[in-house]
Amino acid sequence: MHDSEFQLPRFLRRSDAAKYLRDRWGLPCATRTLAKIACISSDGPEMHYAGRIPLYTPESLDEYALKKIGPARRSTSDTGLDTTHERAFLKQASK
């Protein structure tokens, strides 16, 4: 296998991960927010550890951002619950 065929994953430290979410997705995110989510919730982005240092991949941050962003709406009164995506989510959640 040639070096050009194998690409190592890119890892971001927590501060860079928060910046990535702000810059790429426009999500308000602080370094401390990611730290808190990692401690109290399983809803945060997937991470790896190098010793005690958490590392995030851009792919896991993208998945997290997409989960955080809700469905498109046409007005403030639109609940967004009549979209196919939301119906599938509600059906799955009710099981």
PDB file of N, CA and C in Angstrom:
ATOM      1  N   MET A   1       0.855  -1.176   0.000  1.00  0.00           N
ATOM      2  CA  MET A   1       0.000   0.000   0.000  1.00  0.00           C
ATOM      3  C   MET A   1       0.899   1.235   0.000  1.00  0.00           C
ATOM      4  N   HIS A   2       0.579   2.183  -0.845  1.00  0.00           N
ATOM      5  CA  HIS A   2       1.347   3.424  -0.932  1.00  0.00           C
ATOM      6  C   HIS A   2       0.875   4.404   0.132  1.00  0.00           C
ATOM      7  N   ASP A   3       1.757   5.302   0.518  1.00  0.00           N
ATOM      8  CA  ASP A   3       1.407   6.312   1.517  1.00  0.00           C
ATOM      9  C   ASP A   3       0.220   7.157   1.080  1.00  0.00           C
ATOM     10  N   SER A   4       0.092   7.402  -0.223  1.00  0.00           N
ATOM     11  CA  SER A   4      -1.001   8.241  -0.713  1.00  0.00           C
ATOM     12  C   SER A   4      -2.361   7.551  -0.610  1.00  0.00           C
ATOM     13  N   GLU A   5      -2.376   6.215  -0.480  1.00  0.00           N
ATOM     14  CA  GLU A   5      -3.625   5.476  -0.388  1.00  0.00           C
ATOM     15  C   GLU A   5      -4.162   5.405   1.038  1.00  0.00           C
ATOM     16  N   PHE A   6      -3.304   5.619   2.015  1.00  0.00           N
ATOM     17  CA  PHE A   6      -3.704   5.518   3.407  1.00  0.00           C
ATOM     18  C   PHE A   6      -3.594   6.888   4.057  1.00  0.00           C
ATOM     19  N   GLN A   7      -4.697   7.361   4.578  1.00  0.00           N
ATOM     20  CA  GLN A   7      -4.701   8.672   5.199  1.00  0.00           C
ATOM     21  C   GLN A   7      -5.032   8.531   6.681  1.00  0.00           C
ATOM     22  N   LEU A   8      -4.191   9.044   7.522  1.00  0.00           N
ATOM     23  CA  LEU A   8      -4.439   9.012   8.957  1.00  0.00           C
ATOM     24  C   LEU A   8      -5.570   9.965   9.302  1.00  0.00           C
ATOM     25  N   PRO A   9      -6.371   9.625  10.300  1.00  0.00           N
ATOM     26  CA  PRO A   9      -7.436  10.541  10.695  1.00  0.00           C
ATOM     27  C   PRO A   9      -6.846  11.814  11.293  1.00  0.00           C
ATOM     28  N   ARG A  10      -7.547  12.890  11.106  1.00  0.00           N
ATOM     29  CA  ARG A  10      -7.138  14.172  11.671  1.00  0.00           C
ATOM     30  C   ARG A  10      -7.850  14.327  13.008  1.00  0.00           C
ATOM     31  N   PHE A  11      -7.121  14.640  14.045  1.00  0.00           N
ATOM     32  CA  PHE A  11      -7.701  14.806  15.369  1.00  0.00           C
ATOM     33  C   PHE A  11      -7.573  16.253  15.816  1.00  0.00           C
ATOM     34  N   LEU A  12      -8.607  16.727  16.493  1.00  0.00           N
ATOM     35  CA  LEU A  12      -8.618  18.088  17.026  1.00  0.00           C
ATOM     36  C   LEU A  12      -8.723  18.031  18.541  1.00  0.00           C
ATOM     37  N   ARG A  13      -7.955  18.856  19.213  1.00  0.00           N
ATOM     38  CA  ARG A  13      -8.102  18.976  20.660  1.00  0.00           C
ATOM     39  C   ARG A  13      -9.385  19.732  20.944  1.00  0.00           C
ATOM     40  N   ARG A  14      -9.817  19.730  22.182  1.00  0.00           N
ATOM     41  CA  ARG A  14     -11.124  20.265  22.550  1.00  0.00           C
ATOM     42  C   ARG A  14     -11.299  21.736  22.140  1.00  0.00           C
ATOM     43  N   SER A  15     -10.301  22.567  22.355  1.00  0.00           N
ATOM     44  CA  SER A  15     -10.422  23.988  21.991  1.00  0.00           C
ATOM     45  C   SER A  15     -10.559  24.152  20.475  1.00  0.00           C
ATOM     46  N   ASP A  16      -9.813  23.368  19.714  1.00  0.00           N
ATOM     47  CA  ASP A  16      -9.919  23.420  18.256  1.00  0.00           C
ATOM     48  C   ASP A  16     -11.248  22.837  17.775  1.00  0.00           C
ATOM     49  N   ALA A  17     -11.756  21.848  18.493  1.00  0.00           N
ATOM     50  CA  ALA A  17     -13.053  21.259  18.141  1.00  0.00           C
ATOM     51  C   ALA A  17     -14.170  22.283  18.324  1.00  0.00           C
ATOM     52  N   ALA A  18     -14.123  23.036  19.421  1.00  0.00           N
ATOM     53  CA  ALA A  18     -15.131  24.075  19.657  1.00  0.00           C
ATOM     54  C   ALA A  18     -15.046  25.146  18.568  1.00  0.00           C
ATOM     55  N   LYS A  19     -13.836  25.529  18.199  1.00  0.00           N
ATOM     56  CA  LYS A  19     -13.643  26.522  17.132  1.00  0.00           C
ATOM     57  C   LYS A  19     -14.170  25.986  15.804  1.00  0.00           C
ATOM     58  N   TYR A  20     -13.930  24.712  15.529  1.00  0.00           N
ATOM     59  CA  TYR A  20     -14.411  24.074  14.307  1.00  0.00           C
ATOM     60  C   TYR A  20     -15.942  24.159  14.231  1.00  0.00           C
ATOM     61  N   LEU A  21     -16.620  23.846  15.329  1.00  0.00           N
ATOM     62  CA  LEU A  21     -18.090  23.905  15.347  1.00  0.00           C
ATOM     63  C   LEU A  21     -18.590  25.333  15.146  1.00  0.00           C
ATOM     64  N   ARG A  22     -17.893  26.301  15.710  1.00  0.00           N
ATOM     65  CA  ARG A  22     -18.292  27.703  15.534  1.00  0.00           C
ATOM     66  C   ARG A  22     -18.058  28.160  14.098  1.00  0.00           C
ATOM     67  N   ASP A  23     -16.865  27.889  13.579  1.00  0.00           N
ATOM     68  CA  ASP A  23     -16.485  28.397  12.256  1.00  0.00           C
ATOM     69  C   ASP A  23     -17.184  27.674  11.115  1.00  0.00           C
ATOM     70  N   ARG A  24     -17.253  26.361  11.189  1.00  0.00           N
ATOM     71  CA  ARG A  24     -17.829  25.595  10.070  1.00  0.00           C
ATOM     72  C   ARG A  24     -19.357  25.580  10.099  1.00  0.00           C
ATOM     73  N   TRP A  25     -19.931  25.445  11.296  1.00  0.00           N
ATOM     74  CA  TRP A  25     -21.368  25.255  11.402  1.00  0.00           C
ATOM     75  C   TRP A  25     -22.109  26.455  11.990  1.00  0.00           C
ATOM     76  N   GLY A  26     -21.395  27.423  12.533  1.00  0.00           N
ATOM     77  CA  GLY A  26     -22.050  28.574  13.141  1.00  0.00           C
ATOM     78  C   GLY A  26     -22.723  28.250  14.462  1.00  0.00           C
ATOM     79  N   LEU A  27     -22.333  27.144  15.076  1.00  0.00           N
ATOM     80  CA  LEU A  27     -22.923  26.756  16.359  1.00  0.00           C
ATOM     81  C   LEU A  27     -22.171  27.435  17.495  1.00  0.00           C
ATOM     82  N   PRO A  28     -22.883  28.066  18.417  1.00  0.00           N
ATOM     83  CA  PRO A  28     -22.178  28.614  19.576  1.00  0.00           C
ATOM     84  C   PRO A  28     -21.666  27.467  20.434  1.00  0.00           C
ATOM     85  N   CYS A  29     -20.372  27.394  20.584  1.00  0.00           N
ATOM     86  CA  CYS A  29     -19.787  26.281  21.338  1.00  0.00           C
ATOM     87  C   CYS A  29     -18.484  26.739  21.969  1.00  0.00           C
ATOM     88  N   ALA A  30     -18.393  26.541  23.264  1.00  0.00           N
ATOM     89  CA  ALA A  30     -17.171  26.866  23.996  1.00  0.00           C
ATOM     90  C   ALA A  30     -16.448  25.574  24.354  1.00  0.00           C
ATOM     91  N   THR A  31     -15.178  25.693  24.619  1.00  0.00           N
ATOM     92  CA  THR A  31     -14.380  24.551  25.037  1.00  0.00           C
ATOM     93  C   THR A  31     -14.984  23.897  26.275  1.00  0.00           C
ATOM     94  N   ARG A  32     -15.419  24.709  27.218  1.00  0.00           N
ATOM     95  CA  ARG A  32     -16.012  24.197  28.459  1.00  0.00           C
ATOM     96  C   ARG A  32     -17.333  23.477  28.194  1.00  0.00           C
ATOM     97  N   THR A  33     -18.052  23.893  27.175  1.00  0.00           N
ATOM     98  CA  THR A  33     -19.305  23.216  26.827  1.00  0.00           C
ATOM     99  C   THR A  33     -19.022  21.778  26.407  1.00  0.00           C
ATOM    100  N   LEU A  34     -18.026  21.592  25.560  1.00  0.00           N
ATOM    101  CA  LEU A  34     -17.671  20.231  25.140  1.00  0.00           C
ATOM    102  C   LEU A  34     -17.199  19.406  26.330  1.00  0.00           C
ATOM    103  N   ALA A  35     -16.473  20.024  27.249  1.00  0.00           N
ATOM    104  CA  ALA A  35     -16.011  19.315  28.442  1.00  0.00           C
ATOM    105  C   ALA A  35     -17.198  18.878  29.294  1.00  0.00           C
ATOM    106  N   LYS A  36     -18.157  19.766  29.464  1.00  0.00           N
ATOM    107  CA  LYS A  36     -19.326  19.442  30.282  1.00  0.00           C
ATOM    108  C   LYS A  36     -20.164  18.347  29.631  1.00  0.00           C
ATOM    109  N   ILE A  37     -20.381  18.463  28.333  1.00  0.00           N
ATOM    110  CA  ILE A  37     -21.158  17.449  27.616  1.00  0.00           C
ATOM    111  C   ILE A  37     -20.488  16.078  27.757  1.00  0.00           C
ATOM    112  N   ALA A  38     -19.165  16.048  27.691  1.00  0.00           N
ATOM    113  CA  ALA A  38     -18.442  14.778  27.804  1.00  0.00           C
ATOM    114  C   ALA A  38     -18.623  14.149  29.180  1.00  0.00           C
ATOM    115  N   CYS A  39     -18.818  14.977  30.189  1.00  0.00           N
ATOM    116  CA  CYS A  39     -18.950  14.467  31.563  1.00  0.00           C
ATOM    117  C   CYS A  39     -20.367  14.038  31.920  1.00  0.00           C
ATOM    118  N   ILE A  40     -21.376  14.756  31.432  1.00  0.00           N
ATOM    119  CA  ILE A  40     -22.734  14.517  31.918  1.00  0.00           C
ATOM    120  C   ILE A  40     -23.697  13.946  30.892  1.00  0.00           C
ATOM    121  N   SER A  41     -23.272  13.800  29.635  1.00  0.00           N
ATOM    122  CA  SER A  41     -24.222  13.400  28.608  1.00  0.00           C
ATOM    123  C   SER A  41     -23.561  12.472  27.598  1.00  0.00           C
ATOM    124  N   SER A  42     -24.369  11.673  26.945  1.00  0.00           N
ATOM    125  CA  SER A  42     -23.867  10.852  25.843  1.00  0.00           C
ATOM    126  C   SER A  42     -24.301  11.446  24.503  1.00  0.00           C
ATOM    127  N   ASP A  43     -24.801  12.678  24.533  1.00  0.00           N
ATOM    128  CA  ASP A  43     -25.280  13.338  23.317  1.00  0.00           C
ATOM    129  C   ASP A  43     -24.198  14.123  22.596  1.00  0.00           C
ATOM    130  N   GLY A  44     -23.006  14.189  23.150  1.00  0.00           N
ATOM    131  CA  GLY A  44     -21.937  14.976  22.548  1.00  0.00           C
ATOM    132  C   GLY A  44     -21.268  14.254  21.403  1.00  0.00           C
ATOM    133  N   PRO A  45     -20.301  14.920  20.789  1.00  0.00           N
ATOM    134  CA  PRO A  45     -19.569  14.287  19.687  1.00  0.00           C
ATOM    135  C   PRO A  45     -18.690  13.145  20.192  1.00  0.00           C
ATOM    136  N   GLU A  46     -18.520  12.152  19.359  1.00  0.00           N
ATOM    137  CA  GLU A  46     -17.661  11.012  19.687  1.00  0.00           C
ATOM    138  C   GLU A  46     -16.221  11.499  19.811  1.00  0.00           C
ATOM    139  N   MET A  47     -15.499  10.946  20.779  1.00  0.00           N
ATOM    140  CA  MET A  47     -14.112  11.368  20.977  1.00  0.00           C
ATOM    141  C   MET A  47     -13.213  10.172  21.237  1.00  0.00           C
ATOM    142  N   HIS A  48     -11.948  10.391  21.043  1.00  0.00           N
ATOM    143  CA  HIS A  48     -10.904   9.415  21.329  1.00  0.00           C
ATOM    144  C   HIS A  48     -10.031  10.038  22.408  1.00  0.00           C
ATOM    145  N   TYR A  49      -9.245   9.232  23.070  1.00  0.00           N
ATOM    146  CA  TYR A  49      -8.333   9.755  24.086  1.00  0.00           C
ATOM    147  C   TYR A  49      -6.899   9.396  23.745  1.00  0.00           C
ATOM    148  N   ALA A  50      -6.020  10.364  23.930  1.00  0.00           N
ATOM    149  CA  ALA A  50      -4.576  10.154  23.888  1.00  0.00           C
ATOM    150  C   ALA A  50      -4.123  10.415  25.317  1.00  0.00           C
ATOM    151  N   GLY A  51      -4.039   9.345  26.092  1.00  0.00           N
ATOM    152  CA  GLY A  51      -3.804   9.519  27.527  1.00  0.00           C
ATOM    153  C   GLY A  51      -5.056  10.117  28.147  1.00  0.00           C
ATOM    154  N   ARG A  52      -4.936  11.300  28.722  1.00  0.00           N
ATOM    155  CA  ARG A  52      -6.103  11.965  29.313  1.00  0.00           C
ATOM    156  C   ARG A  52      -6.656  13.078  28.427  1.00  0.00           C
ATOM    157  N   ILE A  53      -6.089  13.235  27.236  1.00  0.00           N
ATOM    158  CA  ILE A  53      -6.480  14.320  26.335  1.00  0.00           C
ATOM    159  C   ILE A  53      -7.544  13.843  25.351  1.00  0.00           C
ATOM    160  N   PRO A  54      -8.736  14.449  25.386  1.00  0.00           N
ATOM    161  CA  PRO A  54      -9.773  14.070  24.424  1.00  0.00           C
ATOM    162  C   PRO A  54      -9.464  14.641  23.040  1.00  0.00           C
ATOM    163  N   LEU A  55      -9.687  13.827  22.043  1.00  0.00           N
ATOM    164  CA  LEU A  55      -9.453  14.224  20.655  1.00  0.00           C
ATOM    165  C   LEU A  55     -10.707  13.941  19.835  1.00  0.00           C
ATOM    166  N   TYR A  56     -11.042  14.858  18.965  1.00  0.00           N
ATOM    167  CA  TYR A  56     -12.237  14.756  18.136  1.00  0.00           C
ATOM    168  C   TYR A  56     -11.836  14.719  16.667  1.00  0.00           C
ATOM    169  N   THR A  57     -12.588  13.960  15.880  1.00  0.00           N
ATOM    170  CA  THR A  57     -12.377  13.988  14.429  1.00  0.00           C
ATOM    171  C   THR A  57     -13.372  14.969  13.829  1.00  0.00           C
ATOM    172  N   PRO A  58     -13.016  15.598  12.715  1.00  0.00           N
ATOM    173  CA  PRO A  58     -13.980  16.475  12.047  1.00  0.00           C
ATOM    174  C   PRO A  58     -15.278  15.747  11.689  1.00  0.00           C
ATOM    175  N   GLU A  59     -15.174  14.472  11.353  1.00  0.00           N
ATOM    176  CA  GLU A  59     -16.367  13.699  11.003  1.00  0.00           C
ATOM    177  C   GLU A  59     -17.324  13.575  12.197  1.00  0.00           C
ATOM    178  N   SER A  60     -16.775  13.315  13.392  1.00  0.00           N
ATOM    179  CA  SER A  60     -17.647  13.191  14.566  1.00  0.00           C
ATOM    180  C   SER A  60     -18.252  14.544  14.924  1.00  0.00           C
ATOM    181  N   LEU A  61     -17.511  15.624  14.705  1.00  0.00           N
ATOM    182  CA  LEU A  61     -18.042  16.962  14.967  1.00  0.00           C
ATOM    183  C   LEU A  61     -19.136  17.322  13.962  1.00  0.00           C
ATOM    184  N   ASP A  62     -18.957  16.905  12.712  1.00  0.00           N
ATOM    185  CA  ASP A  62     -19.992  17.147  11.694  1.00  0.00           C
ATOM    186  C   ASP A  62     -21.275  16.396  12.039  1.00  0.00           C
ATOM    187  N   GLU A  63     -21.154  15.144  12.463  1.00  0.00           N
ATOM    188  CA  GLU A  63     -22.329  14.359  12.861  1.00  0.00           C
ATOM    189  C   GLU A  63     -23.050  15.024  14.032  1.00  0.00           C
ATOM    190  N   TYR A  64     -22.291  15.475  15.004  1.00  0.00           N
ATOM    191  CA  TYR A  64     -22.862  16.162  16.177  1.00  0.00           C
ATOM    192  C   TYR A  64     -23.599  17.428  15.742  1.00  0.00           C
ATOM    193  N   ALA A  65     -22.987  18.218  14.875  1.00  0.00           N
ATOM    194  CA  ALA A  65     -23.609  19.464  14.417  1.00  0.00           C
ATOM    195  C   ALA A  65     -24.915  19.183  13.685  1.00  0.00           C
ATOM    196  N   LEU A  66     -24.919  18.171  12.837  1.00  0.00           N
ATOM    197  CA  LEU A  66     -26.135  17.839  12.093  1.00  0.00           C
ATOM    198  C   LEU A  66     -27.258  17.397  13.018  1.00  0.00           C
ATOM    199  N   LYS A  67     -26.909  16.723  14.122  1.00  0.00           N
ATOM    200  CA  LYS A  67     -27.931  16.328  15.101  1.00  0.00           C
ATOM    201  C   LYS A  67     -28.483  17.543  15.840  1.00  0.00           C
ATOM    202  N   LYS A  68     -27.617  18.531  16.072  1.00  0.00           N
ATOM    203  CA  LYS A  68     -28.035  19.724  16.805  1.00  0.00           C
ATOM    204  C   LYS A  68     -28.937  20.635  15.973  1.00  0.00           C
ATOM    205  N   ILE A  69     -28.738  20.631  14.666  1.00  0.00           N
ATOM    206  CA  ILE A  69     -29.494  21.509  13.785  1.00  0.00           C
ATOM    207  C   ILE A  69     -30.832  20.851  13.473  1.00  0.00           C
ATOM    208  N   GLY A  70     -31.912  21.553  13.743  1.00  0.00           N
ATOM    209  CA  GLY A  70     -33.254  21.022  13.529  1.00  0.00           C
ATOM    210  C   GLY A  70     -33.679  21.097  12.074  1.00  0.00           C
ATOM    211  N   PRO A  71     -34.895  20.645  11.805  1.00  0.00           N
ATOM    212  CA  PRO A  71     -35.407  20.658  10.441  1.00  0.00           C
ATOM    213  C   PRO A  71     -35.690  22.084   9.968  1.00  0.00           C
ATOM    214  N   ALA A  72     -35.740  22.254   8.659  1.00  0.00           N
ATOM    215  CA  ALA A  72     -36.059  23.558   8.064  1.00  0.00           C
ATOM    216  C   ALA A  72     -37.504  23.927   8.377  1.00  0.00           C
ATOM    217  N   ARG A  73     -37.735  25.201   8.626  1.00  0.00           N
ATOM    218  CA  ARG A  73     -39.078  25.712   8.925  1.00  0.00           C
ATOM    219  C   ARG A  73     -39.336  26.956   8.114  1.00  0.00           C
ATOM    220  N   ARG A  74     -40.589  27.191   7.829  1.00  0.00           N
ATOM    221  CA  ARG A  74     -40.968  28.365   7.031  1.00  0.00           C
ATOM    222  C   ARG A  74     -41.415  29.540   7.884  1.00  0.00           C
ATOM    223  N   SER A  75     -41.756  29.287   9.151  1.00  0.00           N
ATOM    224  CA  SER A  75     -42.171  30.380  10.031  1.00  0.00           C
ATOM    225  C   SER A  75     -41.886  29.982  11.481  1.00  0.00           C
ATOM    226  N   THR A  76     -42.002  30.945  12.379  1.00  0.00           N
ATOM    227  CA  THR A  76     -41.758  30.654  13.793  1.00  0.00           C
ATOM    228  C   THR A  76     -42.846  29.759  14.377  1.00  0.00           C
ATOM    229  N   SER A  77     -44.029  29.743  13.754  1.00  0.00           N
ATOM    230  CA  SER A  77     -45.103  28.884  14.257  1.00  0.00           C
ATOM    231  C   SER A  77     -45.034  27.463  13.694  1.00  0.00           C
ATOM    232  N   ASP A  78     -44.186  27.254  12.705  1.00  0.00           N
ATOM    233  CA  ASP A  78     -44.014  25.928  12.110  1.00  0.00           C
ATOM    234  C   ASP A  78     -43.238  25.054  13.094  1.00  0.00           C
ATOM    235  N   THR A  79     -43.845  23.944  13.520  1.00  0.00           N
ATOM    236  CA  THR A  79     -43.180  23.050  14.469  1.00  0.00           C
ATOM    237  C   THR A  79     -42.166  22.149  13.784  1.00  0.00           C
ATOM    238  N   GLY A  80     -42.286  21.999  12.487  1.00  0.00           N
ATOM    239  CA  GLY A  80     -41.372  21.121  11.766  1.00  0.00           C
ATOM    240  C   GLY A  80     -41.701  19.656  11.943  1.00  0.00           C
ATOM    241  N   LEU A  81     -42.773  19.342  12.664  1.00  0.00           N
ATOM    242  CA  LEU A  81     -43.093  17.950  12.963  1.00  0.00           C
ATOM    243  C   LEU A  81     -43.761  17.218  11.816  1.00  0.00           C
ATOM    244  N   ASP A  82     -44.109  17.905  10.761  1.00  0.00           N
ATOM    245  CA  ASP A  82     -44.767  17.213   9.663  1.00  0.00           C
ATOM    246  C   ASP A  82     -43.789  16.817   8.558  1.00  0.00           C
ATOM    247  N   THR A  83     -42.507  16.936   8.779  1.00  0.00           N
ATOM    248  CA  THR A  83     -41.538  16.506   7.783  1.00  0.00           C
ATOM    249  C   THR A  83     -41.310  15.003   7.917  1.00  0.00           C
ATOM    250  N   THR A  84     -40.886  14.396   6.852  1.00  0.00           N
ATOM    251  CA  THR A  84     -40.634  12.955   6.851  1.00  0.00           C
ATOM    252  C   THR A  84     -39.585  12.587   7.892  1.00  0.00           C
ATOM    253  N   HIS A  85     -38.549  13.400   8.006  1.00  0.00           N
ATOM    254  CA  HIS A  85     -37.481  13.134   8.975  1.00  0.00           C
ATOM    255  C   HIS A  85     -38.036  13.131  10.395  1.00  0.00           C
ATOM    256  N   GLU A  86     -38.839  14.109  10.730  1.00  0.00           N
ATOM    257  CA  GLU A  86     -39.387  14.204  12.088  1.00  0.00           C
ATOM    258  C   GLU A  86     -40.364  13.063  12.370  1.00  0.00           C
ATOM    259  N   ARG A  87     -41.183  12.698  11.391  1.00  0.00           N
ATOM    260  CA  ARG A  87     -42.108  11.584  11.593  1.00  0.00           C
ATOM    261  C   ARG A  87     -41.338  10.297  11.864  1.00  0.00           C
ATOM    262  N   ALA A  88     -40.251  10.069  11.121  1.00  0.00           N
ATOM    263  CA  ALA A  88     -39.434   8.878  11.336  1.00  0.00           C
ATOM    264  C   ALA A  88     -38.801   8.919  12.724  1.00  0.00           C
ATOM    265  N   PHE A  89     -38.357  10.098  13.144  1.00  0.00           N
ATOM    266  CA  PHE A  89     -37.758  10.244  14.476  1.00  0.00           C
ATOM    267  C   PHE A  89     -38.785   9.940  15.553  1.00  0.00           C
ATOM    268  N   LEU A  90     -39.976  10.499  15.435  1.00  0.00           N
ATOM    269  CA  LEU A  90     -41.022  10.261  16.446  1.00  0.00           C
ATOM    270  C   LEU A  90     -41.435   8.797  16.481  1.00  0.00           C
ATOM    271  N   LYS A  91     -41.493   8.168  15.317  1.00  0.00           N
ATOM    272  CA  LYS A  91     -41.856   6.759  15.249  1.00  0.00           C
ATOM    273  C   LYS A  91     -40.799   5.922  15.946  1.00  0.00           C
ATOM    274  N   GLN A  92     -39.533   6.232  15.706  1.00  0.00           N
ATOM    275  CA  GLN A  92     -38.431   5.501  16.335  1.00  0.00           C
ATOM    276  C   GLN A  92     -38.423   5.734  17.842  1.00  0.00           C
ATOM    277  N   ALA A  93     -38.705   6.963  18.282  1.00  0.00           N
ATOM    278  CA  ALA A  93     -38.670   7.304  19.710  1.00  0.00           C
ATOM    279  C   ALA A  93     -39.813   6.644  20.466  1.00  0.00           C
ATOM    280  N   SER A  94     -40.921   6.386  19.797  1.00  0.00           N
ATOM    281  CA  SER A  94     -42.066   5.807  20.471  1.00  0.00           C
ATOM    282  C   SER A  94     -41.953   4.306  20.691  1.00  0.00           C
ATOM    283  N   LYS A  95     -40.947   3.680  20.090  1.00  0.00           N
ATOM    284  CA  LYS A  95     -40.760   2.233  20.241  1.00  0.00           C
ATOM    285  C   LYS A  95     -40.200   1.886  21.598  1.00  0.00           C
TER     286      LYS A  95
END
